[in-house]
Amino acid sequence: MAITTSEFEQSLNDFLTRMENWKRCEWCGDDERHMGPRSKLCDSCKEWRRKEQRAIEWKQKFPSRVNHEEGLRCEYWIQYAVLCRAAGTLRSWEGPISPLDLEWELKALTERFLGESVFGSSATFLFGQFSPAQRRLLKYMFQRMTNVWLRHHRRSFAIDEVMNKAFPATKLSRDE
């Protein structure tokens, strides 16, 4: 039996309401990773929280060795934990979503994954045909893709941050 549009919209709105109440990791915001019944962090983020705490304690205990190998490793752990916490704040799908919001998100995704914007400005017209609930669901799916991409690139971002702190780039003057 076919579902009518009003029934579909109602079930989609019910799903979105339930989705807002899902238990999520406070750091990475992921809702599918293993979390204990009393825990607010997934197992991966718990591990990075412990590493961050050890790194901060080590830096306080050995401040003169911060730029040595151990210090750089500790700085990496801290930066990785910071990036985990930042990923959990990305929840742009909760409010009303405009077609332009979806176009920007799709443009960012295609540039990130394909190296170029594939759809141009034609996506705004397409996304304008969707209901507000459908746009929220699309924004959620785009956000999940972004979170997975960030999780896979978090290590290189943390390494870049540590290298930039340890070896700041010097600006060359025009005379050199």
C-alpha atoms as a PDB file:
ATOM      1  CA  MET A   1       0.000   0.000   0.000  1.00  0.00           C
ATOM      2  CA  ALA A   2       1.345   3.419  -0.956  1.00  0.00           C
ATOM      3  CA  ILE A   3       2.066   6.056   1.653  1.00  0.00           C
ATOM      4  CA  THR A   4       0.505   9.448   1.120  1.00  0.00           C
ATOM      5  CA  THR A   5       2.574  12.598   1.275  1.00  0.00           C
ATOM      6  CA  SER A   6       0.987  13.730   4.537  1.00  0.00           C
ATOM      7  CA  GLU A   7       1.678  10.336   6.157  1.00  0.00           C
ATOM      8  CA  PHE A   8       5.269  10.478   4.945  1.00  0.00           C
ATOM      9  CA  GLU A   9       5.740  14.008   6.288  1.00  0.00           C
ATOM     10  CA  GLN A  10       4.289  12.995   9.653  1.00  0.00           C
ATOM     11  CA  SER A  11       6.532   9.937   9.943  1.00  0.00           C
ATOM     12  CA  LEU A  12       9.541  12.012   8.866  1.00  0.00           C
ATOM     13  CA  ASN A  13       8.774  14.679  11.483  1.00  0.00           C
ATOM     14  CA  ASP A  14       8.399  11.956  14.117  1.00  0.00           C
ATOM     15  CA  PHE A  15      11.748  10.487  13.080  1.00  0.00           C
ATOM     16  CA  LEU A  16      13.458  13.900  13.236  1.00  0.00           C
ATOM     17  CA  THR A  17      12.031  14.505  16.711  1.00  0.00           C
ATOM     18  CA  ARG A  18      13.351  11.137  17.911  1.00  0.00           C
ATOM     19  CA  MET A  19      16.685  11.834  16.233  1.00  0.00           C
ATOM     20  CA  GLU A  20      17.125  15.069  18.195  1.00  0.00           C
ATOM     21  CA  ASN A  21      16.822  13.066  21.419  1.00  0.00           C
ATOM     22  CA  TRP A  22      19.333  10.356  20.533  1.00  0.00           C
ATOM     23  CA  LYS A  23      22.175   9.911  22.950  1.00  0.00           C
ATOM     24  CA  ARG A  24      25.329  11.394  21.427  1.00  0.00           C
ATOM     25  CA  CYS A  25      28.948  11.593  22.439  1.00  0.00           C
ATOM     26  CA  GLU A  26      29.570  15.014  24.003  1.00  0.00           C
ATOM     27  CA  TRP A  27      32.884  15.345  22.186  1.00  0.00           C
ATOM     28  CA  CYS A  28      32.582  13.981  18.667  1.00  0.00           C
ATOM     29  CA  GLY A  29      28.780  14.140  18.461  1.00  0.00           C
ATOM     30  CA  ASP A  30      28.562  10.673  16.970  1.00  0.00           C
ATOM     31  CA  ASP A  31      25.390   8.780  17.758  1.00  0.00           C
ATOM     32  CA  GLU A  32      26.399   5.331  16.579  1.00  0.00           C
ATOM     33  CA  ARG A  33      29.563   4.596  18.508  1.00  0.00           C
ATOM     34  CA  HIS A  34      29.524   2.443  21.610  1.00  0.00           C
ATOM     35  CA  MET A  35      28.691   4.409  24.722  1.00  0.00           C
ATOM     36  CA  GLY A  36      28.063   3.033  28.155  1.00  0.00           C
ATOM     37  CA  PRO A  37      24.742   3.611  29.929  1.00  0.00           C
ATOM     38  CA  ARG A  38      26.186   6.257  32.278  1.00  0.00           C
ATOM     39  CA  SER A  39      28.797   7.654  29.939  1.00  0.00           C
ATOM     40  CA  LYS A  40      28.648  10.881  27.964  1.00  0.00           C
ATOM     41  CA  LEU A  41      31.608   9.991  25.743  1.00  0.00           C
ATOM     42  CA  CYS A  42      32.145   7.221  23.209  1.00  0.00           C
ATOM     43  CA  ASP A  43      35.009   4.796  23.798  1.00  0.00           C
ATOM     44  CA  SER A  44      37.322   6.581  21.362  1.00  0.00           C
ATOM     45  CA  CYS A  45      36.780   9.977  22.971  1.00  0.00           C
ATOM     46  CA  LYS A  46      37.284   8.482  26.452  1.00  0.00           C
ATOM     47  CA  GLU A  47      40.677   7.257  25.294  1.00  0.00           C
ATOM     48  CA  TRP A  48      41.591  10.690  23.887  1.00  0.00           C
ATOM     49  CA  ARG A  49      40.418  12.397  27.077  1.00  0.00           C
ATOM     50  CA  ARG A  50      42.756  10.152  29.095  1.00  0.00           C
ATOM     51  CA  LYS A  51      45.620  10.874  26.680  1.00  0.00           C
ATOM     52  CA  GLU A  52      44.930  14.594  26.892  1.00  0.00           C
ATOM     53  CA  GLN A  53      44.974  14.498  30.693  1.00  0.00           C
ATOM     54  CA  ARG A  54      48.259  12.556  30.693  1.00  0.00           C
ATOM     55  CA  ALA A  55      49.751  15.016  28.198  1.00  0.00           C
ATOM     56  CA  ILE A  56      48.767  18.043  30.269  1.00  0.00           C
ATOM     57  CA  GLU A  57      50.217  16.440  33.400  1.00  0.00           C
ATOM     58  CA  TRP A  58      53.440  15.594  31.518  1.00  0.00           C
ATOM     59  CA  LYS A  59      53.776  19.146  30.199  1.00  0.00           C
ATOM     60  CA  GLN A  60      53.364  20.524  33.721  1.00  0.00           C
ATOM     61  CA  LYS A  61      55.882  18.053  35.116  1.00  0.00           C
ATOM     62  CA  PHE A  62      58.510  18.597  32.377  1.00  0.00           C
ATOM     63  CA  PRO A  63      58.079  22.146  31.009  1.00  0.00           C
ATOM     64  CA  SER A  64      61.665  22.293  29.716  1.00  0.00           C
ATOM     65  CA  ARG A  65      61.161  19.281  27.419  1.00  0.00           C
ATOM     66  CA  VAL A  66      58.060  20.563  25.602  1.00  0.00           C
ATOM     67  CA  ASN A  67      59.802  20.909  22.212  1.00  0.00           C
ATOM     68  CA  HIS A  68      61.385  17.461  22.366  1.00  0.00           C
ATOM     69  CA  GLU A  69      59.849  14.346  20.867  1.00  0.00           C
ATOM     70  CA  GLU A  70      57.804  13.502  23.966  1.00  0.00           C
ATOM     71  CA  GLY A  71      56.512  17.056  24.161  1.00  0.00           C
ATOM     72  CA  LEU A  72      55.440  17.047  20.535  1.00  0.00           C
ATOM     73  CA  ARG A  73      53.603  13.770  21.092  1.00  0.00           C
ATOM     74  CA  CYS A  74      51.821  15.274  24.094  1.00  0.00           C
ATOM     75  CA  GLU A  75      50.919  18.354  22.062  1.00  0.00           C
ATOM     76  CA  TYR A  76      49.526  16.051  19.361  1.00  0.00           C
ATOM     77  CA  TRP A  77      47.325  14.284  21.913  1.00  0.00           C
ATOM     78  CA  ILE A  78      46.027  17.627  23.153  1.00  0.00           C
ATOM     79  CA  GLN A  79      45.314  18.910  19.645  1.00  0.00           C
ATOM     80  CA  TYR A  80      43.553  15.677  18.678  1.00  0.00           C
ATOM     81  CA  ALA A  81      41.322  15.929  21.752  1.00  0.00           C
ATOM     82  CA  VAL A  82      40.524  19.555  20.894  1.00  0.00           C
ATOM     83  CA  LEU A  83      39.478  18.506  17.390  1.00  0.00           C
ATOM     84  CA  CYS A  84      37.284  15.735  18.830  1.00  0.00           C
ATOM     85  CA  ARG A  85      35.506  18.259  21.042  1.00  0.00           C
ATOM     86  CA  ALA A  86      35.057  20.667  18.141  1.00  0.00           C
ATOM     87  CA  ALA A  87      33.418  18.008  15.968  1.00  0.00           C
ATOM     88  CA  GLY A  88      30.707  17.518  18.580  1.00  0.00           C
ATOM     89  CA  THR A  89      29.538  21.094  18.222  1.00  0.00           C
ATOM     90  CA  LEU A  90      28.586  20.591  14.561  1.00  0.00           C
ATOM     91  CA  ARG A  91      24.808  20.176  14.686  1.00  0.00           C
ATOM     92  CA  SER A  92      23.548  22.561  12.061  1.00  0.00           C
ATOM     93  CA  TRP A  93      20.616  20.358  11.061  1.00  0.00           C
ATOM     94  CA  GLU A  94      18.509  21.108  14.133  1.00  0.00           C
ATOM     95  CA  GLY A  95      16.974  24.406  13.020  1.00  0.00           C
ATOM     96  CA  PRO A  96      15.073  25.394   9.910  1.00  0.00           C
ATOM     97  CA  ILE A  97      17.110  24.725   6.771  1.00  0.00           C
ATOM     98  CA  SER A  98      16.887  26.885   3.672  1.00  0.00           C
ATOM     99  CA  PRO A  99      17.620  25.634   0.150  1.00  0.00           C
ATOM    100  CA  LEU A 100      20.675  27.899   0.130  1.00  0.00           C
ATOM    101  CA  ASP A 101      22.030  26.185   3.279  1.00  0.00           C
ATOM    102  CA  LEU A 102      21.772  22.847   1.509  1.00  0.00           C
ATOM    103  CA  GLU A 103      23.440  24.223  -1.604  1.00  0.00           C
ATOM    104  CA  TRP A 104      26.402  25.486   0.442  1.00  0.00           C
ATOM    105  CA  GLU A 105      26.697  22.150   2.226  1.00  0.00           C
ATOM    106  CA  LEU A 106      26.518  20.216  -1.051  1.00  0.00           C
ATOM    107  CA  LYS A 107      29.113  22.525  -2.607  1.00  0.00           C
ATOM    108  CA  ALA A 108      31.459  21.993   0.346  1.00  0.00           C
ATOM    109  CA  LEU A 109      30.976  18.219   0.177  1.00  0.00           C
ATOM    110  CA  THR A 110      31.610  17.981  -3.563  1.00  0.00           C
ATOM    111  CA  GLU A 111      34.698  20.184  -3.292  1.00  0.00           C
ATOM    112  CA  ARG A 112      35.967  18.106  -0.387  1.00  0.00           C
ATOM    113  CA  PHE A 113      35.343  14.726  -2.013  1.00  0.00           C
ATOM    114  CA  LEU A 114      35.621  15.495  -5.739  1.00  0.00           C
ATOM    115  CA  GLY A 115      37.885  18.540  -5.776  1.00  0.00           C
ATOM    116  CA  GLU A 116      35.360  20.794  -7.514  1.00  0.00           C
ATOM    117  CA  SER A 117      31.799  22.033  -7.220  1.00  0.00           C
ATOM    118  CA  VAL A 118      29.762  19.780  -9.489  1.00  0.00           C
ATOM    119  CA  PHE A 119      26.250  21.214  -9.249  1.00  0.00           C
ATOM    120  CA  GLY A 120      26.752  24.984  -9.286  1.00  0.00           C
ATOM    121  CA  SER A 121      23.742  27.114  -8.376  1.00  0.00           C
ATOM    122  CA  SER A 122      21.176  24.723  -9.858  1.00  0.00           C
ATOM    123  CA  ALA A 123      20.950  22.858  -6.536  1.00  0.00           C
ATOM    124  CA  THR A 124      19.068  25.738  -4.889  1.00  0.00           C
ATOM    125  CA  PHE A 125      16.118  25.212  -7.216  1.00  0.00           C
ATOM    126  CA  LEU A 126      16.146  21.476  -6.555  1.00  0.00           C
ATOM    127  CA  PHE A 127      16.317  21.866  -2.767  1.00  0.00           C
ATOM    128  CA  GLY A 128      13.492  24.420  -2.875  1.00  0.00           C
ATOM    129  CA  GLN A 129      11.166  21.616  -3.958  1.00  0.00           C
ATOM    130  CA  PHE A 130      11.686  19.698  -0.698  1.00  0.00           C
ATOM    131  CA  SER A 131       9.620  20.197   2.449  1.00  0.00           C
ATOM    132  CA  PRO A 132      11.284  21.670   5.568  1.00  0.00           C
ATOM    133  CA  ALA A 133      11.451  18.187   7.157  1.00  0.00           C
ATOM    134  CA  GLN A 134      13.066  16.719   4.044  1.00  0.00           C
ATOM    135  CA  ARG A 135      15.631  19.554   4.002  1.00  0.00           C
ATOM    136  CA  ARG A 136      16.451  18.877   7.657  1.00  0.00           C
ATOM    137  CA  LEU A 137      16.984  15.202   6.885  1.00  0.00           C
ATOM    138  CA  LEU A 138      19.247  16.057   3.938  1.00  0.00           C
ATOM    139  CA  LYS A 139      21.220  18.496   6.104  1.00  0.00           C
ATOM    140  CA  TYR A 140      21.623  15.763   8.726  1.00  0.00           C
ATOM    141  CA  MET A 141      22.912  13.319   6.103  1.00  0.00           C
ATOM    142  CA  PHE A 142      25.345  15.916   4.718  1.00  0.00           C
ATOM    143  CA  GLN A 143      26.487  16.671   8.270  1.00  0.00           C
ATOM    144  CA  ARG A 144      27.134  12.963   8.925  1.00  0.00           C
ATOM    145  CA  MET A 145      29.268  12.783   5.769  1.00  0.00           C
ATOM    146  CA  THR A 146      31.238  15.806   6.963  1.00  0.00           C
ATOM    147  CA  ASN A 147      31.729  14.269  10.417  1.00  0.00           C
ATOM    148  CA  VAL A 148      33.042  11.018   8.927  1.00  0.00           C
ATOM    149  CA  TRP A 149      35.399  12.990   6.687  1.00  0.00           C
ATOM    150  CA  LEU A 150      36.625  15.003   9.686  1.00  0.00           C
ATOM    151  CA  ARG A 151      37.133  11.833  11.740  1.00  0.00           C
ATOM    152  CA  HIS A 152      39.297  10.354   8.976  1.00  0.00           C
ATOM    153  CA  HIS A 153      41.350  13.554   8.629  1.00  0.00           C
ATOM    154  CA  ARG A 154      41.577  14.521  12.311  1.00  0.00           C
ATOM    155  CA  ARG A 155      45.040  13.005  12.655  1.00  0.00           C
ATOM    156  CA  SER A 156      46.564  15.057   9.848  1.00  0.00           C
ATOM    157  CA  PHE A 157      44.872  18.230  11.149  1.00  0.00           C
ATOM    158  CA  ALA A 158      46.327  17.620  14.621  1.00  0.00           C
ATOM    159  CA  ILE A 159      49.807  16.930  13.200  1.00  0.00           C
ATOM    160  CA  ASP A 160      49.653  20.131  11.130  1.00  0.00           C
ATOM    161  CA  GLU A 161      48.659  22.113  14.208  1.00  0.00           C
ATOM    162  CA  VAL A 162      51.544  20.670  16.254  1.00  0.00           C
ATOM    163  CA  MET A 163      54.048  21.323  13.467  1.00  0.00           C
ATOM    164  CA  ASN A 164      52.831  24.895  13.075  1.00  0.00           C
ATOM    165  CA  LYS A 165      53.255  25.485  16.816  1.00  0.00           C
ATOM    166  CA  ALA A 166      56.647  23.789  17.031  1.00  0.00           C
ATOM    167  CA  PHE A 167      58.073  25.257  13.827  1.00  0.00           C
ATOM    168  CA  PRO A 168      56.289  28.513  13.053  1.00  0.00           C
ATOM    169  CA  ALA A 169      56.722  29.706   9.499  1.00  0.00           C
ATOM    170  CA  THR A 170      58.709  32.890   9.237  1.00  0.00           C
ATOM    171  CA  LYS A 171      57.481  35.571   6.909  1.00  0.00           C
ATOM    172  CA  LEU A 172      59.964  36.591   4.266  1.00  0.00           C
ATOM    173  CA  SER A 173      60.338  40.258   3.531  1.00  0.00           C
ATOM    174  CA  ARG A 174      60.313  41.568  -0.017  1.00  0.00           C
ATOM    175  CA  ASP A 175      64.028  42.429   0.150  1.00  0.00           C
ATOM    176  CA  GLU A 176      65.133  38.827   0.712  1.00  0.00           C
END
